[in-house]
Amino acid sequence: MRNGVVIVSHVKEIGEGVDRLIKEVAKDVPITVAAGLDQGEVGTSFEKIMDAFEKNSAETLFAFYDLGSAKMNLEMAIDMTEKEVLLFDTALVESAYTAAALLQVDTPIDAIKEQLAPLKIK
């Protein structure tokens, strides 16, 4: 599949839970997670995000995150990857679920962006 999803969360269990939820509606969409730190601490890691980018088989990645410092690490990782990464400042669970469901049925990227616009966090 050409498009995939990357979930970035400060907490491993949140990332895993979002992954589990969206796989219910998007079994064919590649989804990778970068969540928590190596010893189970709360936080995000540039290295884990880069790993999630590389392990995702898609060429274009829809990236979703939970809090501001995750966005900073995502932005650094985006600068270092060859893949196209679309970063969304939207409600994590709702937007990842919506995007994955729409990707599952091959919805065009612009239509997905339109669906996610109301979920933007201000």
N, C-alpha and C. Protein backbone atom coordinates (compact mmCIF):
# COMPACT_ATOMS: atom_id res chain seq x y z
N MET A 1 0.86 -1.19 0.00
CA MET A 1 0.00 0.00 0.00
C MET A 1 0.89 1.24 0.00
N ARG A 2 0.46 2.23 -0.70
CA ARG A 2 1.24 3.45 -0.87
C ARG A 2 1.22 4.34 0.37
N ASN A 3 0.13 4.34 1.15
CA ASN A 3 -0.01 5.23 2.31
C ASN A 3 -0.12 4.44 3.61
N GLY A 4 0.53 4.98 4.65
CA GLY A 4 0.49 4.34 5.96
C GLY A 4 0.30 5.35 7.06
N VAL A 5 0.26 4.85 8.29
CA VAL A 5 0.03 5.68 9.47
C VAL A 5 1.15 5.44 10.48
N VAL A 6 1.60 6.54 11.10
CA VAL A 6 2.56 6.47 12.20
C VAL A 6 1.93 7.14 13.41
N ILE A 7 1.94 6.45 14.53
CA ILE A 7 1.40 6.95 15.79
C ILE A 7 2.57 7.26 16.72
N VAL A 8 2.60 8.47 17.27
CA VAL A 8 3.64 8.85 18.23
C VAL A 8 2.95 9.28 19.52
N SER A 9 3.30 8.58 20.60
CA SER A 9 2.71 8.89 21.90
C SER A 9 3.78 8.86 22.97
N HIS A 10 3.55 9.58 24.03
CA HIS A 10 4.45 9.59 25.17
C HIS A 10 4.36 8.30 26.00
N VAL A 11 3.28 7.55 25.81
CA VAL A 11 3.03 6.36 26.62
C VAL A 11 2.85 5.15 25.71
N LYS A 12 3.64 4.13 25.98
CA LYS A 12 3.62 2.91 25.16
C LYS A 12 2.21 2.35 25.02
N GLU A 13 1.49 2.28 26.13
CA GLU A 13 0.16 1.68 26.10
C GLU A 13 -0.83 2.50 25.28
N ILE A 14 -0.67 3.82 25.26
CA ILE A 14 -1.55 4.65 24.43
C ILE A 14 -1.28 4.34 22.96
N GLY A 15 -0.02 4.34 22.57
CA GLY A 15 0.33 4.03 21.18
C GLY A 15 -0.19 2.68 20.75
N GLU A 16 0.02 1.67 21.60
CA GLU A 16 -0.44 0.32 21.30
C GLU A 16 -1.97 0.25 21.23
N GLY A 17 -2.64 1.00 22.09
CA GLY A 17 -4.10 1.00 22.09
C GLY A 17 -4.67 1.65 20.84
N VAL A 18 -4.09 2.75 20.42
CA VAL A 18 -4.55 3.40 19.20
C VAL A 18 -4.31 2.48 18.01
N ASP A 19 -3.15 1.84 17.97
CA ASP A 19 -2.82 0.89 16.92
C ASP A 19 -3.87 -0.22 16.87
N ARG A 20 -4.17 -0.79 18.02
CA ARG A 20 -5.16 -1.88 18.09
C ARG A 20 -6.53 -1.42 17.59
N LEU A 21 -6.93 -0.23 18.00
CA LEU A 21 -8.24 0.31 17.60
C LEU A 21 -8.32 0.51 16.09
N ILE A 22 -7.32 1.17 15.51
CA ILE A 22 -7.44 1.50 14.09
C ILE A 22 -7.25 0.26 13.19
N LYS A 23 -6.60 -0.76 13.69
CA LYS A 23 -6.49 -1.99 12.90
C LYS A 23 -7.85 -2.68 12.73
N GLU A 24 -8.81 -2.32 13.57
CA GLU A 24 -10.16 -2.87 13.43
C GLU A 24 -10.83 -2.39 12.14
N VAL A 25 -10.47 -1.20 11.67
CA VAL A 25 -11.10 -0.65 10.46
C VAL A 25 -10.14 -0.55 9.29
N ALA A 26 -8.86 -0.86 9.52
CA ALA A 26 -7.87 -0.67 8.47
C ALA A 26 -6.84 -1.80 8.48
N LYS A 27 -7.30 -3.01 8.26
CA LYS A 27 -6.42 -4.17 8.38
C LYS A 27 -5.32 -4.20 7.32
N ASP A 28 -5.50 -3.49 6.22
CA ASP A 28 -4.51 -3.50 5.15
C ASP A 28 -3.59 -2.28 5.14
N VAL A 29 -3.81 -1.35 6.05
CA VAL A 29 -3.01 -0.12 6.11
C VAL A 29 -1.79 -0.38 6.99
N PRO A 30 -0.58 -0.10 6.49
CA PRO A 30 0.60 -0.26 7.34
C PRO A 30 0.60 0.77 8.48
N ILE A 31 0.69 0.29 9.71
CA ILE A 31 0.67 1.16 10.88
C ILE A 31 1.89 0.83 11.72
N THR A 32 2.64 1.87 12.10
CA THR A 32 3.76 1.68 13.01
C THR A 32 3.62 2.67 14.16
N VAL A 33 4.21 2.30 15.29
CA VAL A 33 4.05 3.06 16.52
C VAL A 33 5.41 3.40 17.11
N ALA A 34 5.56 4.64 17.56
CA ALA A 34 6.72 5.07 18.34
C ALA A 34 6.15 5.64 19.64
N ALA A 35 6.25 4.88 20.72
CA ALA A 35 5.59 5.31 21.95
C ALA A 35 6.40 4.96 23.19
N GLY A 36 6.54 5.93 24.07
CA GLY A 36 7.28 5.72 25.30
C GLY A 36 8.77 5.66 25.07
N LEU A 37 9.51 5.55 26.16
CA LEU A 37 10.97 5.44 26.10
C LEU A 37 11.39 4.00 26.38
N ASP A 38 12.66 3.70 26.18
CA ASP A 38 13.15 2.32 26.25
C ASP A 38 12.90 1.60 27.57
N GLN A 39 12.99 2.28 28.68
CA GLN A 39 12.81 1.64 29.98
C GLN A 39 11.38 1.75 30.49
N GLY A 40 10.45 2.07 29.58
CA GLY A 40 9.05 2.20 29.95
C GLY A 40 8.67 3.56 30.48
N GLU A 41 9.62 4.50 30.46
CA GLU A 41 9.31 5.84 30.94
C GLU A 41 8.40 6.57 29.95
N VAL A 42 7.78 7.62 30.44
CA VAL A 42 6.93 8.48 29.61
C VAL A 42 7.84 9.40 28.81
N GLY A 43 7.58 9.50 27.51
CA GLY A 43 8.35 10.39 26.66
C GLY A 43 8.34 9.90 25.22
N THR A 44 8.95 10.70 24.34
CA THR A 44 9.08 10.30 22.95
C THR A 44 10.54 10.34 22.55
N SER A 45 10.86 9.63 21.50
CA SER A 45 12.24 9.47 21.08
C SER A 45 12.36 9.65 19.57
N PHE A 46 13.27 10.52 19.17
CA PHE A 46 13.58 10.72 17.76
C PHE A 46 13.93 9.37 17.11
N GLU A 47 14.75 8.57 17.78
CA GLU A 47 15.20 7.29 17.23
C GLU A 47 14.02 6.34 17.02
N LYS A 48 13.09 6.29 17.97
CA LYS A 48 11.92 5.42 17.82
C LYS A 48 11.04 5.89 16.66
N ILE A 49 10.95 7.20 16.49
CA ILE A 49 10.15 7.74 15.38
C ILE A 49 10.80 7.38 14.05
N MET A 50 12.12 7.54 13.95
CA MET A 50 12.82 7.17 12.72
C MET A 50 12.63 5.68 12.43
N ASP A 51 12.69 4.86 13.46
CA ASP A 51 12.49 3.43 13.29
C ASP A 51 11.07 3.14 12.79
N ALA A 52 10.08 3.84 13.33
CA ALA A 52 8.69 3.66 12.89
C ALA A 52 8.53 4.08 11.43
N PHE A 53 9.21 5.15 11.03
CA PHE A 53 9.17 5.57 9.63
C PHE A 53 9.75 4.47 8.74
N GLU A 54 10.91 3.97 9.11
CA GLU A 54 11.60 2.99 8.27
C GLU A 54 10.88 1.64 8.23
N LYS A 55 10.28 1.23 9.34
CA LYS A 55 9.59 -0.06 9.38
C LYS A 55 8.24 -0.03 8.65
N ASN A 56 7.70 1.17 8.45
CA ASN A 56 6.41 1.29 7.76
C ASN A 56 6.67 1.09 6.27
N SER A 57 5.96 0.18 5.64
CA SER A 57 6.19 -0.15 4.24
C SER A 57 5.63 0.88 3.26
N ALA A 58 4.88 1.84 3.75
CA ALA A 58 4.27 2.84 2.87
C ALA A 58 5.28 3.91 2.44
N GLU A 59 5.01 4.53 1.31
CA GLU A 59 5.84 5.62 0.80
C GLU A 59 5.44 6.96 1.42
N THR A 60 4.14 7.13 1.65
CA THR A 60 3.61 8.35 2.26
C THR A 60 3.03 7.97 3.61
N LEU A 61 3.43 8.73 4.65
CA LEU A 61 3.01 8.44 6.01
C LEU A 61 2.16 9.56 6.58
N PHE A 62 1.06 9.19 7.18
CA PHE A 62 0.21 10.12 7.92
C PHE A 62 0.65 10.01 9.37
N ALA A 63 1.20 11.09 9.93
CA ALA A 63 1.75 11.04 11.28
C ALA A 63 0.85 11.78 12.27
N PHE A 64 0.57 11.11 13.39
CA PHE A 64 -0.28 11.65 14.44
C PHE A 64 0.46 11.54 15.77
N TYR A 65 0.23 12.49 16.66
CA TYR A 65 0.96 12.53 17.93
C TYR A 65 0.04 12.99 19.04
N ASP A 66 0.49 12.80 20.30
CA ASP A 66 -0.36 13.16 21.43
C ASP A 66 -0.07 14.52 22.05
N LEU A 67 1.18 14.92 22.19
CA LEU A 67 1.51 16.19 22.87
C LEU A 67 2.63 16.92 22.13
N GLY A 68 2.81 18.19 22.47
CA GLY A 68 3.74 19.07 21.77
C GLY A 68 5.16 18.60 21.61
N SER A 69 5.76 18.00 22.63
CA SER A 69 7.15 17.57 22.48
C SER A 69 7.26 16.40 21.50
N ALA A 70 6.21 15.62 21.35
CA ALA A 70 6.19 14.57 20.32
C ALA A 70 6.25 15.21 18.94
N LYS A 71 5.59 16.33 18.79
CA LYS A 71 5.62 17.04 17.51
C LYS A 71 7.03 17.50 17.19
N MET A 72 7.76 17.99 18.18
CA MET A 72 9.13 18.43 17.94
C MET A 72 10.00 17.28 17.44
N ASN A 73 9.90 16.12 18.08
CA ASN A 73 10.66 14.96 17.64
C ASN A 73 10.22 14.50 16.25
N LEU A 74 8.93 14.56 15.99
CA LEU A 74 8.42 14.21 14.67
C LEU A 74 8.99 15.13 13.61
N GLU A 75 9.00 16.41 13.88
CA GLU A 75 9.52 17.37 12.90
C GLU A 75 11.00 17.12 12.60
N MET A 76 11.78 16.79 13.61
CA MET A 76 13.20 16.46 13.37
C MET A 76 13.32 15.20 12.52
N ALA A 77 12.51 14.19 12.82
CA ALA A 77 12.56 12.94 12.07
C ALA A 77 12.11 13.14 10.62
N ILE A 78 11.12 13.99 10.42
CA ILE A 78 10.65 14.27 9.06
C ILE A 78 11.78 14.85 8.21
N ASP A 79 12.59 15.70 8.83
CA ASP A 79 13.72 16.29 8.11
C ASP A 79 14.77 15.27 7.73
N MET A 80 14.78 14.11 8.38
CA MET A 80 15.83 13.10 8.18
C MET A 80 15.39 11.90 7.34
N THR A 81 14.13 11.84 6.96
CA THR A 81 13.65 10.67 6.22
C THR A 81 13.45 11.01 4.75
N GLU A 82 13.53 9.99 3.92
CA GLU A 82 13.28 10.12 2.48
C GLU A 82 11.79 10.03 2.18
N LYS A 83 11.03 9.51 3.12
CA LYS A 83 9.59 9.32 2.90
C LYS A 83 8.85 10.65 2.98
N GLU A 84 7.69 10.69 2.34
CA GLU A 84 6.82 11.84 2.48
C GLU A 84 6.01 11.64 3.76
N VAL A 85 6.08 12.61 4.66
CA VAL A 85 5.36 12.50 5.92
C VAL A 85 4.42 13.69 6.05
N LEU A 86 3.15 13.38 6.23
CA LEU A 86 2.13 14.41 6.45
C LEU A 86 1.85 14.45 7.94
N LEU A 87 2.18 15.57 8.57
CA LEU A 87 2.03 15.72 10.02
C LEU A 87 0.72 16.43 10.32
N PHE A 88 -0.08 15.84 11.18
CA PHE A 88 -1.39 16.40 11.51
C PHE A 88 -1.44 16.86 12.96
N ASP A 89 -1.85 18.11 13.16
CA ASP A 89 -2.07 18.68 14.50
C ASP A 89 -3.54 18.49 14.86
N THR A 90 -3.91 17.24 15.01
CA THR A 90 -5.31 16.89 15.23
C THR A 90 -5.43 15.95 16.43
N ALA A 91 -6.66 15.77 16.88
CA ALA A 91 -6.91 14.85 17.99
C ALA A 91 -6.42 13.45 17.62
N LEU A 92 -5.53 12.91 18.40
CA LEU A 92 -4.81 11.67 18.06
C LEU A 92 -5.73 10.51 17.70
N VAL A 93 -6.56 10.09 18.61
CA VAL A 93 -7.36 8.88 18.40
C VAL A 93 -8.32 9.07 17.24
N GLU A 94 -9.09 10.14 17.28
CA GLU A 94 -10.11 10.36 16.27
C GLU A 94 -9.51 10.52 14.88
N SER A 95 -8.41 11.26 14.78
CA SER A 95 -7.85 11.52 13.45
C SER A 95 -7.11 10.31 12.90
N ALA A 96 -6.38 9.58 13.75
CA ALA A 96 -5.70 8.38 13.27
C ALA A 96 -6.72 7.34 12.81
N TYR A 97 -7.79 7.20 13.56
CA TYR A 97 -8.86 6.26 13.20
C TYR A 97 -9.50 6.65 11.87
N THR A 98 -9.85 7.94 11.74
CA THR A 98 -10.48 8.43 10.52
C THR A 98 -9.57 8.25 9.32
N ALA A 99 -8.32 8.67 9.46
CA ALA A 99 -7.37 8.56 8.34
C ALA A 99 -7.19 7.10 7.93
N ALA A 100 -6.99 6.22 8.89
CA ALA A 100 -6.76 4.81 8.58
C ALA A 100 -7.97 4.19 7.88
N ALA A 101 -9.16 4.50 8.37
CA ALA A 101 -10.38 3.97 7.75
C ALA A 101 -10.50 4.45 6.30
N LEU A 102 -10.18 5.72 6.07
CA LEU A 102 -10.25 6.27 4.71
C LEU A 102 -9.14 5.72 3.82
N LEU A 103 -7.96 5.52 4.38
CA LEU A 103 -6.87 4.92 3.60
C LEU A 103 -7.23 3.48 3.20
N GLN A 104 -7.91 2.78 4.08
CA GLN A 104 -8.30 1.40 3.80
C GLN A 104 -9.13 1.31 2.51
N VAL A 105 -9.93 2.33 2.23
CA VAL A 105 -10.79 2.30 1.04
C VAL A 105 -10.24 3.21 -0.07
N ASP A 106 -8.93 3.48 0.00
CA ASP A 106 -8.22 4.23 -1.05
C ASP A 106 -8.77 5.63 -1.31
N THR A 107 -9.14 6.32 -0.25
CA THR A 107 -9.61 7.70 -0.36
C THR A 107 -8.43 8.60 -0.74
N PRO A 108 -8.63 9.54 -1.66
CA PRO A 108 -7.55 10.46 -2.03
C PRO A 108 -7.06 11.29 -0.83
N ILE A 109 -5.77 11.60 -0.84
CA ILE A 109 -5.17 12.34 0.27
C ILE A 109 -5.89 13.66 0.55
N ASP A 110 -6.23 14.41 -0.47
CA ASP A 110 -6.90 15.69 -0.23
C ASP A 110 -8.24 15.51 0.46
N ALA A 111 -8.96 14.45 0.13
CA ALA A 111 -10.24 14.19 0.80
C ALA A 111 -10.03 13.81 2.26
N ILE A 112 -8.94 13.09 2.55
CA ILE A 112 -8.63 12.74 3.93
C ILE A 112 -8.28 14.01 4.72
N LYS A 113 -7.46 14.86 4.13
CA LYS A 113 -7.11 16.12 4.80
C LYS A 113 -8.37 16.93 5.11
N GLU A 114 -9.32 16.94 4.20
CA GLU A 114 -10.57 17.66 4.41
C GLU A 114 -11.36 17.07 5.58
N GLN A 115 -11.38 15.75 5.68
CA GLN A 115 -12.09 15.08 6.78
C GLN A 115 -11.43 15.35 8.13
N LEU A 116 -10.09 15.51 8.13
CA LEU A 116 -9.36 15.72 9.38
C LEU A 116 -9.37 17.18 9.84
N ALA A 117 -9.64 18.10 8.96
CA ALA A 117 -9.58 19.54 9.28
C ALA A 117 -10.41 19.91 10.52
N PRO A 118 -11.63 19.40 10.68
CA PRO A 118 -12.41 19.76 11.88
C PRO A 118 -11.81 19.22 13.18
N LEU A 119 -10.89 18.29 13.10
CA LEU A 119 -10.29 17.69 14.30
C LEU A 119 -9.02 18.41 14.73
N LYS A 120 -8.68 19.50 14.06
CA LYS A 120 -7.47 20.25 14.37
C LYS A 120 -7.53 20.79 15.79
N ILE A 121 -6.40 20.68 16.48
CA ILE A 121 -6.28 21.20 17.84
C ILE A 121 -5.74 22.62 17.75
N LYS A 122 -6.41 23.53 18.41
CA LYS A 122 -6.00 24.94 18.32
C LYS A 122 -5.24 25.37 19.52
